[in-house]
């Protein structure tokens, strides 16, 4: 802690800007990490409960009610709405065959659900890939600033160099401390999103088949 205070006092505006940038990146990363952990855990749990409950229902209305009650992140309900939608006749949306209409609506609904689950992944990837280099830049700048100050003092000794250089190395450690949690979370959440995507694609495929079987006769509404 004392080293950080000395570094803050001795560095210039550039070094302080780098330190504040790393702090902002760390706060942003941890906010996204905690939020996505909550969202993805809910989504995975809801998908595991809602899909079996949907297919166990006796009617499409009761199945829709089950889905609305269990699908807290709203990644399954839009798929059902897309499968049961009845667009107005005479539009481009209804100009194709039923199979194409269902595929288009389900694809759009699936992309919307995946976008919700993937939200924040780009930020984690960006922080994980850039934070080490920002920290390294802060270290290089800190060493340069320290050497210039020591040189201006007129006498250079190992004792005068070691302290400021060691304090500047804190920026490299700070960059790694910001990047490592972001990279680990990105990889873990990517695996969770992929698992949810597989479940959602399977549910969308089953809904499409059900709609094709019953939609033409008007049984699905």
C-alpha atoms as a PDB file:
ATOM      1  CA  UNK A   1       0.000   0.000   0.000  1.00  0.00           C
ATOM      2  CA  UNK A   2       2.865   2.335   0.801  1.00  0.00           C
ATOM      3  CA  UNK A   3       4.435   1.529  -2.566  1.00  0.00           C
ATOM      4  CA  UNK A   4       1.229   2.515  -4.329  1.00  0.00           C
ATOM      5  CA  UNK A   5       1.105   5.806  -2.472  1.00  0.00           C
ATOM      6  CA  UNK A   6       4.711   6.580  -3.344  1.00  0.00           C
ATOM      7  CA  UNK A   7       4.102   5.653  -6.983  1.00  0.00           C
ATOM      8  CA  UNK A   8       1.045   7.898  -7.136  1.00  0.00           C
ATOM      9  CA  UNK A   9       2.949  10.816  -5.620  1.00  0.00           C
ATOM     10  CA  UNK A  10       6.031  10.423  -7.801  1.00  0.00           C
ATOM     11  CA  UNK A  11       4.412   9.684 -11.166  1.00  0.00           C
ATOM     12  CA  UNK A  12       3.058  12.272 -13.599  1.00  0.00           C
ATOM     13  CA  UNK A  13      -0.318  12.711 -15.274  1.00  0.00           C
ATOM     14  CA  UNK A  14       0.247   9.915 -17.780  1.00  0.00           C
ATOM     15  CA  UNK A  15       1.082   7.378 -15.095  1.00  0.00           C
ATOM     16  CA  UNK A  16      -1.940   8.384 -13.045  1.00  0.00           C
ATOM     17  CA  UNK A  17      -4.181   8.178 -16.122  1.00  0.00           C
ATOM     18  CA  UNK A  18      -2.962   4.630 -16.779  1.00  0.00           C
ATOM     19  CA  UNK A  19      -3.602   3.665 -13.157  1.00  0.00           C
ATOM     20  CA  UNK A  20      -7.125   5.122 -13.271  1.00  0.00           C
ATOM     21  CA  UNK A  21      -7.793   3.371 -16.576  1.00  0.00           C
ATOM     22  CA  UNK A  22      -6.772   0.021 -15.092  1.00  0.00           C
ATOM     23  CA  UNK A  23      -8.973   0.707 -12.070  1.00  0.00           C
ATOM     24  CA  UNK A  24     -11.959   1.496 -14.314  1.00  0.00           C
ATOM     25  CA  UNK A  25     -11.309  -1.647 -16.367  1.00  0.00           C
ATOM     26  CA  UNK A  26     -11.109  -3.761 -13.220  1.00  0.00           C
ATOM     27  CA  UNK A  27     -14.386  -2.384 -11.849  1.00  0.00           C
ATOM     28  CA  UNK A  28     -16.105  -2.861 -15.215  1.00  0.00           C
ATOM     29  CA  UNK A  29     -14.818  -6.413 -15.536  1.00  0.00           C
ATOM     30  CA  UNK A  30     -15.976  -7.442 -12.070  1.00  0.00           C
ATOM     31  CA  UNK A  31     -19.410  -5.864 -12.556  1.00  0.00           C
ATOM     32  CA  UNK A  32     -19.852  -7.840 -15.780  1.00  0.00           C
ATOM     33  CA  UNK A  33     -18.400 -11.014 -14.233  1.00  0.00           C
ATOM     34  CA  UNK A  34     -20.814 -10.956 -11.291  1.00  0.00           C
ATOM     35  CA  UNK A  35     -23.813  -9.941 -13.415  1.00  0.00           C
ATOM     36  CA  UNK A  36     -23.191 -12.595 -16.069  1.00  0.00           C
ATOM     37  CA  UNK A  37     -22.657 -15.282 -13.432  1.00  0.00           C
ATOM     38  CA  UNK A  38     -26.100 -14.464 -12.056  1.00  0.00           C
ATOM     39  CA  UNK A  39     -27.786 -14.294 -15.486  1.00  0.00           C
ATOM     40  CA  UNK A  40     -26.226 -17.439 -16.932  1.00  0.00           C
ATOM     41  CA  UNK A  41     -26.861 -19.516 -13.828  1.00  0.00           C
ATOM     42  CA  UNK A  42     -30.512 -18.470 -13.928  1.00  0.00           C
ATOM     43  CA  UNK A  43     -30.769 -19.159 -17.639  1.00  0.00           C
ATOM     44  CA  UNK A  44     -29.213 -22.611 -17.387  1.00  0.00           C
ATOM     45  CA  UNK A  45     -31.424 -23.543 -14.448  1.00  0.00           C
ATOM     46  CA  UNK A  46     -34.546 -22.193 -16.152  1.00  0.00           C
ATOM     47  CA  UNK A  47     -33.851 -24.016 -19.422  1.00  0.00           C
ATOM     48  CA  UNK A  48     -33.318 -27.288 -17.561  1.00  0.00           C
ATOM     49  CA  UNK A  49     -36.676 -26.893 -15.780  1.00  0.00           C
ATOM     50  CA  UNK A  50     -38.797 -25.114 -18.379  1.00  0.00           C
ATOM     51  CA  UNK A  51     -38.254 -27.338 -21.414  1.00  0.00           C
ATOM     52  CA  UNK A  52     -39.386 -30.588 -19.726  1.00  0.00           C
ATOM     53  CA  UNK A  53     -42.301 -28.726 -18.108  1.00  0.00           C
ATOM     54  CA  UNK A  54     -43.322 -27.362 -21.503  1.00  0.00           C
ATOM     55  CA  UNK A  55     -43.448 -30.759 -23.171  1.00  0.00           C
ATOM     56  CA  UNK A  56     -45.208 -32.286 -20.167  1.00  0.00           C
ATOM     57  CA  UNK A  57     -48.115 -29.844 -20.487  1.00  0.00           C
ATOM     58  CA  UNK A  58     -51.394 -31.096 -21.919  1.00  0.00           C
ATOM     59  CA  UNK A  59     -52.231 -28.085 -24.087  1.00  0.00           C
ATOM     60  CA  UNK A  60     -50.293 -25.303 -25.777  1.00  0.00           C
ATOM     61  CA  UNK A  61     -51.922 -22.737 -23.472  1.00  0.00           C
ATOM     62  CA  UNK A  62     -50.823 -24.530 -20.322  1.00  0.00           C
ATOM     63  CA  UNK A  63     -47.388 -25.073 -21.867  1.00  0.00           C
ATOM     64  CA  UNK A  64     -47.131 -21.343 -22.541  1.00  0.00           C
ATOM     65  CA  UNK A  65     -48.093 -20.613 -18.943  1.00  0.00           C
ATOM     66  CA  UNK A  66     -45.408 -22.981 -17.683  1.00  0.00           C
ATOM     67  CA  UNK A  67     -42.842 -21.328 -19.908  1.00  0.00           C
ATOM     68  CA  UNK A  68     -43.742 -17.825 -18.787  1.00  0.00           C
ATOM     69  CA  UNK A  69     -43.478 -18.833 -15.140  1.00  0.00           C
ATOM     70  CA  UNK A  70     -40.113 -20.597 -15.422  1.00  0.00           C
ATOM     71  CA  UNK A  71     -38.322 -18.626 -18.148  1.00  0.00           C
ATOM     72  CA  UNK A  72     -37.060 -15.695 -16.071  1.00  0.00           C
ATOM     73  CA  UNK A  73     -34.442 -14.576 -18.608  1.00  0.00           C
ATOM     74  CA  UNK A  74     -36.943 -14.735 -21.497  1.00  0.00           C
ATOM     75  CA  UNK A  75     -34.841 -16.874 -23.825  1.00  0.00           C
ATOM     76  CA  UNK A  76     -37.415 -19.631 -24.377  1.00  0.00           C
ATOM     77  CA  UNK A  77     -40.701 -17.708 -24.525  1.00  0.00           C
ATOM     78  CA  UNK A  78     -39.717 -15.745 -27.670  1.00  0.00           C
ATOM     79  CA  UNK A  79     -39.132 -19.049 -29.460  1.00  0.00           C
ATOM     80  CA  UNK A  80     -42.652 -20.214 -28.640  1.00  0.00           C
ATOM     81  CA  UNK A  81     -44.070 -16.865 -29.742  1.00  0.00           C
ATOM     82  CA  UNK A  82     -42.179 -17.157 -33.018  1.00  0.00           C
ATOM     83  CA  UNK A  83     -43.461 -20.698 -33.603  1.00  0.00           C
ATOM     84  CA  UNK A  84     -47.098 -19.795 -32.913  1.00  0.00           C
ATOM     85  CA  UNK A  85     -47.150 -16.365 -34.566  1.00  0.00           C
ATOM     86  CA  UNK A  86     -49.733 -15.729 -37.239  1.00  0.00           C
ATOM     87  CA  UNK A  87     -48.530 -12.810 -39.405  1.00  0.00           C
ATOM     88  CA  UNK A  88     -51.042 -10.794 -41.406  1.00  0.00           C
ATOM     89  CA  UNK A  89     -51.777 -12.254 -44.811  1.00  0.00           C
ATOM     90  CA  UNK A  90     -50.608 -10.513 -47.948  1.00  0.00           C
ATOM     91  CA  UNK A  91     -47.213  -9.465 -46.568  1.00  0.00           C
ATOM     92  CA  UNK A  92     -43.727 -10.475 -47.592  1.00  0.00           C
ATOM     93  CA  UNK A  93     -43.423 -12.344 -44.310  1.00  0.00           C
ATOM     94  CA  UNK A  94     -46.162 -14.744 -45.392  1.00  0.00           C
ATOM     95  CA  UNK A  95     -45.155 -14.979 -49.039  1.00  0.00           C
ATOM     96  CA  UNK A  96     -42.890 -17.978 -48.513  1.00  0.00           C
ATOM     97  CA  UNK A  97     -43.760 -21.525 -47.615  1.00  0.00           C
ATOM     98  CA  UNK A  98     -44.586 -22.326 -43.993  1.00  0.00           C
ATOM     99  CA  UNK A  99     -41.232 -24.010 -43.405  1.00  0.00           C
ATOM    100  CA  UNK A 100     -39.326 -20.909 -44.478  1.00  0.00           C
ATOM    101  CA  UNK A 101     -41.519 -18.624 -42.394  1.00  0.00           C
ATOM    102  CA  UNK A 102     -40.969 -20.715 -39.284  1.00  0.00           C
ATOM    103  CA  UNK A 103     -37.234 -20.939 -39.865  1.00  0.00           C
ATOM    104  CA  UNK A 104     -36.913 -17.169 -40.249  1.00  0.00           C
ATOM    105  CA  UNK A 105     -38.974 -16.320 -37.159  1.00  0.00           C
ATOM    106  CA  UNK A 106     -37.288 -18.939 -34.980  1.00  0.00           C
ATOM    107  CA  UNK A 107     -33.855 -17.856 -36.184  1.00  0.00           C
ATOM    108  CA  UNK A 108     -34.530 -14.231 -35.265  1.00  0.00           C
ATOM    109  CA  UNK A 109     -35.895 -15.219 -31.849  1.00  0.00           C
ATOM    110  CA  UNK A 110     -32.916 -17.483 -31.224  1.00  0.00           C
ATOM    111  CA  UNK A 111     -30.465 -14.735 -32.146  1.00  0.00           C
ATOM    112  CA  UNK A 112     -32.203 -12.372 -29.749  1.00  0.00           C
ATOM    113  CA  UNK A 113     -31.919 -14.833 -26.873  1.00  0.00           C
ATOM    114  CA  UNK A 114     -28.271 -15.560 -27.611  1.00  0.00           C
ATOM    115  CA  UNK A 115     -27.471 -11.847 -27.812  1.00  0.00           C
ATOM    116  CA  UNK A 116     -28.858 -11.463 -24.305  1.00  0.00           C
ATOM    117  CA  UNK A 117     -26.749 -14.360 -22.997  1.00  0.00           C
ATOM    118  CA  UNK A 118     -23.604 -13.174 -24.796  1.00  0.00           C
ATOM    119  CA  UNK A 119     -23.914  -9.581 -23.629  1.00  0.00           C
ATOM    120  CA  UNK A 120     -20.691  -8.437 -21.956  1.00  0.00           C
ATOM    121  CA  UNK A 121     -18.476 -11.086 -23.542  1.00  0.00           C
ATOM    122  CA  UNK A 122     -16.845  -8.524 -25.847  1.00  0.00           C
ATOM    123  CA  UNK A 123     -15.994  -6.316 -22.870  1.00  0.00           C
ATOM    124  CA  UNK A 124     -14.395  -9.213 -20.986  1.00  0.00           C
ATOM    125  CA  UNK A 125     -12.394 -10.234 -24.057  1.00  0.00           C
ATOM    126  CA  UNK A 126     -11.250  -6.661 -24.652  1.00  0.00           C
ATOM    127  CA  UNK A 127     -10.171  -6.143 -21.052  1.00  0.00           C
ATOM    128  CA  UNK A 128      -8.435  -9.506 -20.912  1.00  0.00           C
ATOM    129  CA  UNK A 129      -6.450  -8.819 -24.061  1.00  0.00           C
ATOM    130  CA  UNK A 130      -5.511  -5.167 -23.479  1.00  0.00           C
ATOM    131  CA  UNK A 131      -5.016  -4.793 -19.717  1.00  0.00           C
ATOM    132  CA  UNK A 132      -1.557  -6.468 -19.653  1.00  0.00           C
ATOM    133  CA  UNK A 133      -0.281  -4.130 -22.362  1.00  0.00           C
ATOM    134  CA  UNK A 134      -1.755  -1.076 -20.641  1.00  0.00           C
ATOM    135  CA  UNK A 135      -0.038  -2.162 -17.435  1.00  0.00           C
ATOM    136  CA  UNK A 136       3.223  -2.695 -19.342  1.00  0.00           C
ATOM    137  CA  UNK A 137       2.932   0.766 -20.840  1.00  0.00           C
ATOM    138  CA  UNK A 138       2.437   2.172 -17.355  1.00  0.00           C
ATOM    139  CA  UNK A 139       5.576   0.380 -16.188  1.00  0.00           C
ATOM    140  CA  UNK A 140       7.668   1.638 -19.106  1.00  0.00           C
ATOM    141  CA  UNK A 141       6.416   5.162 -18.630  1.00  0.00           C
ATOM    142  CA  UNK A 142       7.005   4.993 -14.895  1.00  0.00           C
ATOM    143  CA  UNK A 143      10.586   3.804 -15.374  1.00  0.00           C
ATOM    144  CA  UNK A 144      11.209   6.521 -17.945  1.00  0.00           C
ATOM    145  CA  UNK A 145       9.754   9.185 -15.678  1.00  0.00           C
ATOM    146  CA  UNK A 146      11.812   7.911 -12.726  1.00  0.00           C
ATOM    147  CA  UNK A 147      15.058   7.849 -14.710  1.00  0.00           C
ATOM    148  CA  UNK A 148      14.471  11.364 -16.010  1.00  0.00           C
ATOM    149  CA  UNK A 149      13.869  12.609 -12.475  1.00  0.00           C
ATOM    150  CA  UNK A 150      16.954  10.841 -11.151  1.00  0.00           C
ATOM    151  CA  UNK A 151      19.076  12.127 -14.020  1.00  0.00           C
ATOM    152  CA  UNK A 152      17.917  15.682 -13.358  1.00  0.00           C
ATOM    153  CA  UNK A 153      19.015  15.298  -9.743  1.00  0.00           C
ATOM    154  CA  UNK A 154      22.592  14.885 -10.965  1.00  0.00           C
ATOM    155  CA  UNK A 155      23.565  11.641  -9.258  1.00  0.00           C
ATOM    156  CA  UNK A 156      22.539   8.112 -10.187  1.00  0.00           C
ATOM    157  CA  UNK A 157      23.000   5.236  -7.743  1.00  0.00           C
ATOM    158  CA  UNK A 158      21.513   1.779  -7.610  1.00  0.00           C
ATOM    159  CA  UNK A 159      19.557   2.751  -4.505  1.00  0.00           C
ATOM    160  CA  UNK A 160      17.930   5.700  -6.243  1.00  0.00           C
ATOM    161  CA  UNK A 161      17.093   3.616  -9.315  1.00  0.00           C
ATOM    162  CA  UNK A 162      15.817   0.462  -7.622  1.00  0.00           C
ATOM    163  CA  UNK A 163      13.037   2.151  -5.662  1.00  0.00           C
ATOM    164  CA  UNK A 164      11.266   4.017  -8.491  1.00  0.00           C
ATOM    165  CA  UNK A 165      11.757   1.154 -10.951  1.00  0.00           C
ATOM    166  CA  UNK A 166      10.314  -1.346  -8.478  1.00  0.00           C
ATOM    167  CA  UNK A 167       7.330   0.892  -7.880  1.00  0.00           C
ATOM    168  CA  UNK A 168       6.785   1.251 -11.635  1.00  0.00           C
ATOM    169  CA  UNK A 169       6.626  -2.536 -11.959  1.00  0.00           C
ATOM    170  CA  UNK A 170       3.427  -2.389  -9.903  1.00  0.00           C
ATOM    171  CA  UNK A 171       1.647  -1.307 -13.079  1.00  0.00           C
ATOM    172  CA  UNK A 172       2.535  -4.568 -14.825  1.00  0.00           C
ATOM    173  CA  UNK A 173       1.212  -6.558 -11.877  1.00  0.00           C
ATOM    174  CA  UNK A 174      -1.945  -4.425 -11.866  1.00  0.00           C
ATOM    175  CA  UNK A 175      -2.480  -5.092 -15.572  1.00  0.00           C
ATOM    176  CA  UNK A 176      -2.215  -8.836 -15.022  1.00  0.00           C
ATOM    177  CA  UNK A 177      -4.520  -8.659 -11.996  1.00  0.00           C
ATOM    178  CA  UNK A 178      -7.146  -6.980 -14.172  1.00  0.00           C
ATOM    179  CA  UNK A 179      -6.706  -9.278 -17.180  1.00  0.00           C
ATOM    180  CA  UNK A 180      -6.595 -12.721 -15.567  1.00  0.00           C
ATOM    181  CA  UNK A 181     -10.106 -12.705 -14.005  1.00  0.00           C
ATOM    182  CA  UNK A 182     -11.557 -11.296 -17.233  1.00  0.00           C
ATOM    183  CA  UNK A 183      -9.962 -14.022 -19.363  1.00  0.00           C
ATOM    184  CA  UNK A 184     -11.001 -16.823 -17.018  1.00  0.00           C
ATOM    185  CA  UNK A 185     -14.574 -15.508 -16.860  1.00  0.00           C
ATOM    186  CA  UNK A 186     -14.712 -15.110 -20.643  1.00  0.00           C
ATOM    187  CA  UNK A 187     -13.692 -18.725 -21.189  1.00  0.00           C
ATOM    188  CA  UNK A 188     -16.059 -20.093 -18.540  1.00  0.00           C
ATOM    189  CA  UNK A 189     -19.021 -18.030 -19.673  1.00  0.00           C
ATOM    190  CA  UNK A 190     -18.353 -18.913 -23.284  1.00  0.00           C
ATOM    191  CA  UNK A 191     -18.728 -22.568 -22.337  1.00  0.00           C
ATOM    192  CA  UNK A 192     -21.977 -21.856 -20.471  1.00  0.00           C
ATOM    193  CA  UNK A 193     -23.395 -19.824 -23.371  1.00  0.00           C
ATOM    194  CA  UNK A 194     -22.512 -22.612 -25.802  1.00  0.00           C
ATOM    195  CA  UNK A 195     -24.384 -25.114 -23.621  1.00  0.00           C
ATOM    196  CA  UNK A 196     -27.427 -22.826 -23.500  1.00  0.00           C
ATOM    197  CA  UNK A 197     -27.219 -22.303 -27.249  1.00  0.00           C
ATOM    198  CA  UNK A 198     -27.334 -26.047 -27.877  1.00  0.00           C
ATOM    199  CA  UNK A 199     -30.420 -26.374 -25.677  1.00  0.00           C
ATOM    200  CA  UNK A 200     -32.139 -23.416 -27.326  1.00  0.00           C
ATOM    201  CA  UNK A 201     -31.406 -24.715 -30.817  1.00  0.00           C
ATOM    202  CA  UNK A 202     -32.850 -28.086 -29.885  1.00  0.00           C
ATOM    203  CA  UNK A 203     -35.972 -26.480 -28.452  1.00  0.00           C
ATOM    204  CA  UNK A 204     -36.371 -24.296 -31.542  1.00  0.00           C
ATOM    205  CA  UNK A 205     -36.041 -27.348 -33.797  1.00  0.00           C
ATOM    206  CA  UNK A 206     -38.696 -29.227 -31.828  1.00  0.00           C
ATOM    207  CA  UNK A 207     -41.021 -26.231 -31.906  1.00  0.00           C
ATOM    208  CA  UNK A 208     -40.593 -25.984 -35.663  1.00  0.00           C
ATOM    209  CA  UNK A 209     -41.498 -29.626 -36.131  1.00  0.00           C
ATOM    210  CA  UNK A 210     -44.528 -29.248 -33.871  1.00  0.00           C
ATOM    211  CA  UNK A 211     -45.657 -26.148 -35.740  1.00  0.00           C
ATOM    212  CA  UNK A 212     -45.283 -27.880 -39.090  1.00  0.00           C
ATOM    213  CA  UNK A 213     -47.340 -30.828 -37.882  1.00  0.00           C
ATOM    214  CA  UNK A 214     -50.126 -28.816 -36.281  1.00  0.00           C
ATOM    215  CA  UNK A 215     -49.923 -25.308 -37.742  1.00  0.00           C
ATOM    216  CA  UNK A 216     -51.330 -26.091 -41.152  1.00  0.00           C
ATOM    217  CA  UNK A 217     -54.496 -27.522 -39.646  1.00  0.00           C
ATOM    218  CA  UNK A 218     -54.878 -24.624 -37.215  1.00  0.00           C
ATOM    219  CA  UNK A 219     -54.361 -26.818 -34.161  1.00  0.00           C
ATOM    220  CA  UNK A 220     -51.456 -24.685 -32.899  1.00  0.00           C
ATOM    221  CA  UNK A 221     -52.547 -21.261 -31.743  1.00  0.00           C
END
